[in-house]
Amino acid sequence: MVDDSTKGGSFLEGGKNFVRGPLFCNEHIHLQGKQYDKFERKYNHRERYDSRWDKVRNIYIKEHPLCEECLKENKSTIARIVHHIKPIEDGGDKYAFDNLMSVCDSCHQKIHTRLKKS
């Protein structure tokens, strides 16, 4: 008999924590970016983003530590991602602060889901 309490979730190899759905436990959250890079990106992340980008990103996230999308809904959520409003491949400036926004993981996923549909 299958234990329904684990249906729809998974353990990562060597992990002790069960997480429902396609999420990562705290022990393996660092793998989330690697999975995204491998399966979602259409480019090599390190080739596109250089040390100048790392500096711009770090300054921007320090100045905008909360998710800018969540703030529109009066929610305070820590931002982990600096998103380009106009994608680089569509001519967006990679380094311009007026083309950046800090977002949480959830809002970043929603933005890209909307972009894929349009």
N, C-alpha and C. Protein backbone atom coordinates (compact mmCIF):
# COMPACT_ATOMS: atom_id res chain seq x y z
N MET A 1 0.84 -1.20 0.00
CA MET A 1 0.00 0.00 0.00
C MET A 1 0.88 1.26 0.00
N VAL A 2 0.52 2.24 -0.81
CA VAL A 2 1.27 3.49 -0.92
C VAL A 2 0.83 4.46 0.17
N ASP A 3 1.80 5.07 0.80
CA ASP A 3 1.52 6.06 1.83
C ASP A 3 1.12 7.37 1.14
N ASP A 4 -0.15 7.77 1.25
CA ASP A 4 -0.64 8.98 0.58
C ASP A 4 -0.03 10.26 1.11
N SER A 5 0.55 10.21 2.31
CA SER A 5 1.12 11.43 2.87
C SER A 5 2.33 11.90 2.08
N THR A 6 2.94 11.01 1.29
CA THR A 6 4.10 11.41 0.49
C THR A 6 3.77 11.57 -0.98
N LYS A 7 2.52 11.36 -1.37
CA LYS A 7 2.13 11.47 -2.77
C LYS A 7 2.32 12.91 -3.27
N GLY A 8 2.96 13.04 -4.42
CA GLY A 8 3.14 14.36 -5.02
C GLY A 8 4.34 15.13 -4.54
N GLY A 9 5.21 14.51 -3.75
CA GLY A 9 6.40 15.19 -3.27
C GLY A 9 7.61 14.33 -3.48
N SER A 10 8.74 14.78 -2.93
CA SER A 10 9.93 13.99 -3.14
C SER A 10 11.00 14.28 -2.11
N PHE A 11 11.91 13.31 -1.96
CA PHE A 11 13.13 13.49 -1.19
C PHE A 11 14.26 13.62 -2.21
N LEU A 12 15.20 14.50 -1.97
CA LEU A 12 16.39 14.52 -2.80
C LEU A 12 17.38 13.54 -2.19
N GLU A 13 18.23 12.98 -3.03
CA GLU A 13 19.18 11.98 -2.56
C GLU A 13 19.98 12.53 -1.37
N GLY A 14 20.00 11.76 -0.31
CA GLY A 14 20.74 12.16 0.88
C GLY A 14 19.96 13.09 1.79
N GLY A 15 18.79 13.52 1.37
CA GLY A 15 18.01 14.45 2.16
C GLY A 15 17.17 13.75 3.21
N LYS A 16 16.83 14.47 4.25
CA LYS A 16 16.01 13.92 5.32
C LYS A 16 14.63 14.54 5.35
N ASN A 17 14.43 15.58 4.56
CA ASN A 17 13.19 16.35 4.62
C ASN A 17 12.32 16.10 3.41
N PHE A 18 11.07 15.75 3.65
CA PHE A 18 10.11 15.56 2.57
C PHE A 18 9.45 16.90 2.28
N VAL A 19 9.32 17.23 1.00
CA VAL A 19 8.66 18.47 0.60
C VAL A 19 7.61 18.12 -0.44
N ARG A 20 6.38 18.61 -0.26
CA ARG A 20 5.31 18.37 -1.23
C ARG A 20 5.56 19.19 -2.48
N GLY A 21 5.31 18.58 -3.61
CA GLY A 21 5.40 19.30 -4.87
C GLY A 21 6.83 19.48 -5.34
N PRO A 22 7.01 20.33 -6.34
CA PRO A 22 8.33 20.50 -6.95
C PRO A 22 9.18 21.54 -6.23
N LEU A 23 9.13 21.56 -4.92
CA LEU A 23 9.86 22.54 -4.13
C LEU A 23 11.12 21.92 -3.55
N PHE A 24 11.97 22.75 -3.01
CA PHE A 24 13.19 22.29 -2.38
C PHE A 24 13.13 22.57 -0.89
N CYS A 25 13.59 21.61 -0.08
CA CYS A 25 13.67 21.84 1.36
C CYS A 25 14.84 22.79 1.61
N ASN A 26 14.95 23.28 2.85
CA ASN A 26 16.03 24.22 3.18
C ASN A 26 17.40 23.61 2.95
N GLU A 27 17.50 22.30 3.14
CA GLU A 27 18.78 21.61 2.96
C GLU A 27 19.25 21.64 1.49
N HIS A 28 18.30 21.69 0.54
CA HIS A 28 18.65 21.60 -0.88
C HIS A 28 18.22 22.83 -1.70
N ILE A 29 17.86 23.94 -1.05
CA ILE A 29 17.38 25.12 -1.76
C ILE A 29 18.45 25.65 -2.73
N HIS A 30 19.72 25.45 -2.38
CA HIS A 30 20.80 25.93 -3.25
C HIS A 30 20.78 25.25 -4.62
N LEU A 31 20.12 24.11 -4.75
CA LEU A 31 20.03 23.41 -6.03
C LEU A 31 18.96 23.99 -6.95
N GLN A 32 18.07 24.82 -6.40
CA GLN A 32 16.99 25.38 -7.19
C GLN A 32 17.51 26.16 -8.39
N GLY A 33 18.51 27.01 -8.17
CA GLY A 33 19.08 27.79 -9.26
C GLY A 33 19.74 26.92 -10.31
N LYS A 34 20.41 25.86 -9.86
CA LYS A 34 21.05 24.95 -10.80
C LYS A 34 20.01 24.25 -11.67
N GLN A 35 18.90 23.85 -11.07
CA GLN A 35 17.84 23.20 -11.84
C GLN A 35 17.24 24.18 -12.84
N TYR A 36 17.00 25.43 -12.41
CA TYR A 36 16.46 26.45 -13.30
C TYR A 36 17.42 26.68 -14.47
N ASP A 37 18.73 26.82 -14.15
CA ASP A 37 19.72 27.04 -15.20
C ASP A 37 19.71 25.91 -16.22
N LYS A 38 19.60 24.69 -15.73
CA LYS A 38 19.70 23.52 -16.60
C LYS A 38 18.47 23.34 -17.49
N PHE A 39 17.27 23.58 -16.95
CA PHE A 39 16.05 23.24 -17.68
C PHE A 39 15.26 24.42 -18.22
N GLU A 40 15.43 25.60 -17.66
CA GLU A 40 14.59 26.73 -18.03
C GLU A 40 15.30 27.78 -18.90
N ARG A 41 16.57 28.00 -18.66
CA ARG A 41 17.27 29.07 -19.37
C ARG A 41 17.57 28.67 -20.81
N LYS A 42 17.51 29.67 -21.69
CA LYS A 42 17.82 29.45 -23.11
C LYS A 42 19.27 29.88 -23.40
N TYR A 43 20.05 30.14 -22.36
CA TYR A 43 21.40 30.65 -22.51
C TYR A 43 22.24 30.19 -21.33
N ASN A 44 23.55 30.36 -21.46
CA ASN A 44 24.47 30.05 -20.37
C ASN A 44 24.53 31.27 -19.45
N HIS A 45 24.11 31.08 -18.22
CA HIS A 45 24.01 32.18 -17.26
C HIS A 45 25.35 32.89 -17.05
N ARG A 46 26.42 32.16 -16.89
CA ARG A 46 27.73 32.76 -16.62
C ARG A 46 28.25 33.52 -17.83
N GLU A 47 27.89 33.11 -19.03
CA GLU A 47 28.33 33.85 -20.21
C GLU A 47 27.59 35.17 -20.35
N ARG A 48 26.34 35.21 -19.93
CA ARG A 48 25.55 36.43 -20.07
C ARG A 48 25.80 37.41 -18.93
N TYR A 49 25.96 36.90 -17.73
CA TYR A 49 26.09 37.78 -16.56
C TYR A 49 27.51 37.76 -16.05
N ASP A 50 28.16 38.92 -16.11
CA ASP A 50 29.56 39.06 -15.74
C ASP A 50 29.70 39.69 -14.36
N SER A 51 30.93 40.02 -13.99
CA SER A 51 31.18 40.60 -12.66
C SER A 51 30.54 41.98 -12.53
N ARG A 52 30.43 42.71 -13.64
CA ARG A 52 29.73 44.02 -13.58
C ARG A 52 28.27 43.79 -13.20
N TRP A 53 27.63 42.78 -13.81
CA TRP A 53 26.24 42.48 -13.47
C TRP A 53 26.13 42.11 -11.99
N ASP A 54 27.05 41.30 -11.49
CA ASP A 54 27.01 40.90 -10.08
C ASP A 54 27.02 42.13 -9.18
N LYS A 55 27.84 43.12 -9.52
CA LYS A 55 27.91 44.35 -8.71
C LYS A 55 26.60 45.13 -8.80
N VAL A 56 26.08 45.30 -10.02
CA VAL A 56 24.82 46.03 -10.21
C VAL A 56 23.70 45.33 -9.46
N ARG A 57 23.61 44.01 -9.61
CA ARG A 57 22.58 43.22 -8.94
C ARG A 57 22.66 43.38 -7.42
N ASN A 58 23.87 43.30 -6.86
CA ASN A 58 24.04 43.41 -5.42
C ASN A 58 23.65 44.79 -4.90
N ILE A 59 24.01 45.82 -5.63
CA ILE A 59 23.62 47.18 -5.23
C ILE A 59 22.09 47.32 -5.30
N TYR A 60 21.50 46.84 -6.40
CA TYR A 60 20.05 46.99 -6.57
C TYR A 60 19.28 46.24 -5.48
N ILE A 61 19.67 45.02 -5.18
CA ILE A 61 18.92 44.23 -4.19
C ILE A 61 19.09 44.82 -2.79
N LYS A 62 20.23 45.46 -2.52
CA LYS A 62 20.41 46.13 -1.21
C LYS A 62 19.51 47.35 -1.11
N GLU A 63 19.36 48.06 -2.23
CA GLU A 63 18.50 49.25 -2.23
C GLU A 63 17.01 48.89 -2.30
N HIS A 64 16.69 47.72 -2.81
CA HIS A 64 15.30 47.25 -2.97
C HIS A 64 15.19 45.82 -2.43
N PRO A 65 15.26 45.66 -1.10
CA PRO A 65 15.30 44.31 -0.52
C PRO A 65 13.95 43.57 -0.53
N LEU A 66 12.87 44.29 -0.78
CA LEU A 66 11.54 43.66 -0.78
C LEU A 66 11.03 43.50 -2.21
N CYS A 67 10.24 42.47 -2.41
CA CYS A 67 9.65 42.20 -3.71
C CYS A 67 8.77 43.38 -4.14
N GLU A 68 9.09 43.95 -5.29
CA GLU A 68 8.35 45.11 -5.77
C GLU A 68 6.95 44.76 -6.24
N GLU A 69 6.74 43.53 -6.68
CA GLU A 69 5.39 43.08 -7.06
C GLU A 69 4.53 42.88 -5.81
N CYS A 70 5.07 42.25 -4.79
CA CYS A 70 4.32 42.04 -3.54
C CYS A 70 3.97 43.37 -2.88
N LEU A 71 4.87 44.33 -2.94
CA LEU A 71 4.61 45.64 -2.34
C LEU A 71 3.38 46.30 -2.96
N LYS A 72 3.13 46.04 -4.25
CA LYS A 72 1.94 46.59 -4.91
C LYS A 72 0.66 46.06 -4.29
N GLU A 73 0.77 44.89 -3.63
CA GLU A 73 -0.38 44.27 -2.96
C GLU A 73 -0.28 44.42 -1.44
N ASN A 74 0.54 45.38 -0.99
CA ASN A 74 0.75 45.66 0.44
C ASN A 74 1.26 44.45 1.21
N LYS A 75 2.08 43.63 0.54
CA LYS A 75 2.72 42.49 1.20
C LYS A 75 4.22 42.75 1.25
N SER A 76 4.84 42.31 2.33
CA SER A 76 6.29 42.45 2.47
C SER A 76 6.94 41.08 2.33
N THR A 77 7.62 40.87 1.22
CA THR A 77 8.30 39.61 0.95
C THR A 77 9.73 39.91 0.55
N ILE A 78 10.67 39.17 1.11
CA ILE A 78 12.07 39.36 0.77
C ILE A 78 12.29 38.99 -0.70
N ALA A 79 12.97 39.87 -1.41
CA ALA A 79 13.31 39.61 -2.82
C ALA A 79 14.62 38.84 -2.88
N ARG A 80 14.68 37.87 -3.77
CA ARG A 80 15.90 37.10 -4.00
C ARG A 80 16.43 37.27 -5.42
N ILE A 81 15.59 37.82 -6.30
CA ILE A 81 15.92 37.89 -7.72
C ILE A 81 15.83 39.33 -8.21
N VAL A 82 16.77 39.72 -9.05
CA VAL A 82 16.67 41.00 -9.74
C VAL A 82 16.27 40.67 -11.18
N HIS A 83 15.08 41.10 -11.54
CA HIS A 83 14.47 40.77 -12.83
C HIS A 83 14.62 41.93 -13.80
N HIS A 84 14.88 41.61 -15.06
CA HIS A 84 14.91 42.63 -16.11
C HIS A 84 13.49 42.84 -16.64
N ILE A 85 12.98 44.05 -16.52
CA ILE A 85 11.62 44.36 -16.96
C ILE A 85 11.49 44.14 -18.46
N LYS A 86 12.39 44.74 -19.22
CA LYS A 86 12.45 44.47 -20.67
C LYS A 86 13.59 43.47 -20.84
N PRO A 87 13.29 42.26 -21.32
CA PRO A 87 14.32 41.23 -21.44
C PRO A 87 15.52 41.69 -22.26
N ILE A 88 16.69 41.22 -21.87
CA ILE A 88 17.92 41.57 -22.57
C ILE A 88 17.83 41.19 -24.04
N GLU A 89 17.27 40.03 -24.32
CA GLU A 89 17.18 39.57 -25.71
C GLU A 89 16.24 40.43 -26.55
N ASP A 90 15.40 41.24 -25.88
CA ASP A 90 14.51 42.16 -26.59
C ASP A 90 15.05 43.59 -26.59
N GLY A 91 16.33 43.74 -26.24
CA GLY A 91 16.97 45.05 -26.27
C GLY A 91 17.00 45.77 -24.93
N GLY A 92 16.57 45.10 -23.86
CA GLY A 92 16.61 45.72 -22.54
C GLY A 92 18.04 45.90 -22.06
N ASP A 93 18.29 47.01 -21.38
CA ASP A 93 19.62 47.30 -20.86
C ASP A 93 19.87 46.45 -19.63
N LYS A 94 20.92 45.66 -19.69
CA LYS A 94 21.24 44.72 -18.61
C LYS A 94 21.58 45.43 -17.30
N TYR A 95 22.17 46.62 -17.39
CA TYR A 95 22.69 47.30 -16.20
C TYR A 95 21.86 48.49 -15.72
N ALA A 96 20.88 48.92 -16.49
CA ALA A 96 20.11 50.13 -16.15
C ALA A 96 19.12 49.85 -15.02
N PHE A 97 19.22 50.64 -13.96
CA PHE A 97 18.33 50.45 -12.81
C PHE A 97 16.86 50.60 -13.19
N ASP A 98 16.55 51.43 -14.20
CA ASP A 98 15.15 51.61 -14.57
C ASP A 98 14.61 50.41 -15.37
N ASN A 99 15.46 49.43 -15.64
CA ASN A 99 15.01 48.20 -16.29
C ASN A 99 15.05 47.02 -15.33
N LEU A 100 15.23 47.29 -14.05
CA LEU A 100 15.35 46.23 -13.05
C LEU A 100 14.23 46.31 -12.03
N MET A 101 13.90 45.17 -11.46
CA MET A 101 12.99 45.14 -10.32
C MET A 101 13.34 43.95 -9.45
N SER A 102 13.26 44.14 -8.14
CA SER A 102 13.50 43.06 -7.19
C SER A 102 12.21 42.28 -7.00
N VAL A 103 12.31 40.96 -7.09
CA VAL A 103 11.13 40.11 -6.94
C VAL A 103 11.45 38.88 -6.11
N CYS A 104 10.41 38.33 -5.51
CA CYS A 104 10.54 37.05 -4.81
C CYS A 104 10.44 35.93 -5.85
N ASP A 105 10.75 34.72 -5.44
CA ASP A 105 10.70 33.57 -6.36
C ASP A 105 9.31 33.41 -6.97
N SER A 106 8.28 33.53 -6.15
CA SER A 106 6.91 33.32 -6.61
C SER A 106 6.52 34.34 -7.68
N CYS A 107 6.80 35.60 -7.43
CA CYS A 107 6.45 36.64 -8.40
C CYS A 107 7.28 36.51 -9.67
N HIS A 108 8.53 36.11 -9.54
CA HIS A 108 9.37 35.92 -10.73
C HIS A 108 8.79 34.83 -11.62
N GLN A 109 8.34 33.76 -11.00
CA GLN A 109 7.73 32.67 -11.76
C GLN A 109 6.45 33.15 -12.45
N LYS A 110 5.65 33.94 -11.73
CA LYS A 110 4.41 34.47 -12.33
C LYS A 110 4.70 35.37 -13.52
N ILE A 111 5.72 36.20 -13.40
CA ILE A 111 6.10 37.11 -14.49
C ILE A 111 6.46 36.30 -15.73
N HIS A 112 7.30 35.28 -15.55
CA HIS A 112 7.74 34.49 -16.70
C HIS A 112 6.62 33.63 -17.27
N THR A 113 5.69 33.22 -16.44
CA THR A 113 4.52 32.48 -16.93
C THR A 113 3.69 33.39 -17.82
N ARG A 114 3.48 34.64 -17.39
CA ARG A 114 2.74 35.62 -18.21
C ARG A 114 3.47 35.89 -19.52
N LEU A 115 4.79 36.02 -19.46
CA LEU A 115 5.56 36.30 -20.67
C LEU A 115 5.48 35.15 -21.67
N LYS A 116 5.48 33.93 -21.18
CA LYS A 116 5.39 32.77 -22.07
C LYS A 116 4.05 32.71 -22.77
N LYS A 117 2.99 33.19 -22.10
CA LYS A 117 1.64 33.14 -22.67
C LYS A 117 1.42 34.23 -23.72
N SER A 118 2.20 35.31 -23.63
CA SER A 118 1.98 36.43 -24.57
C SER A 118 2.87 36.33 -25.78
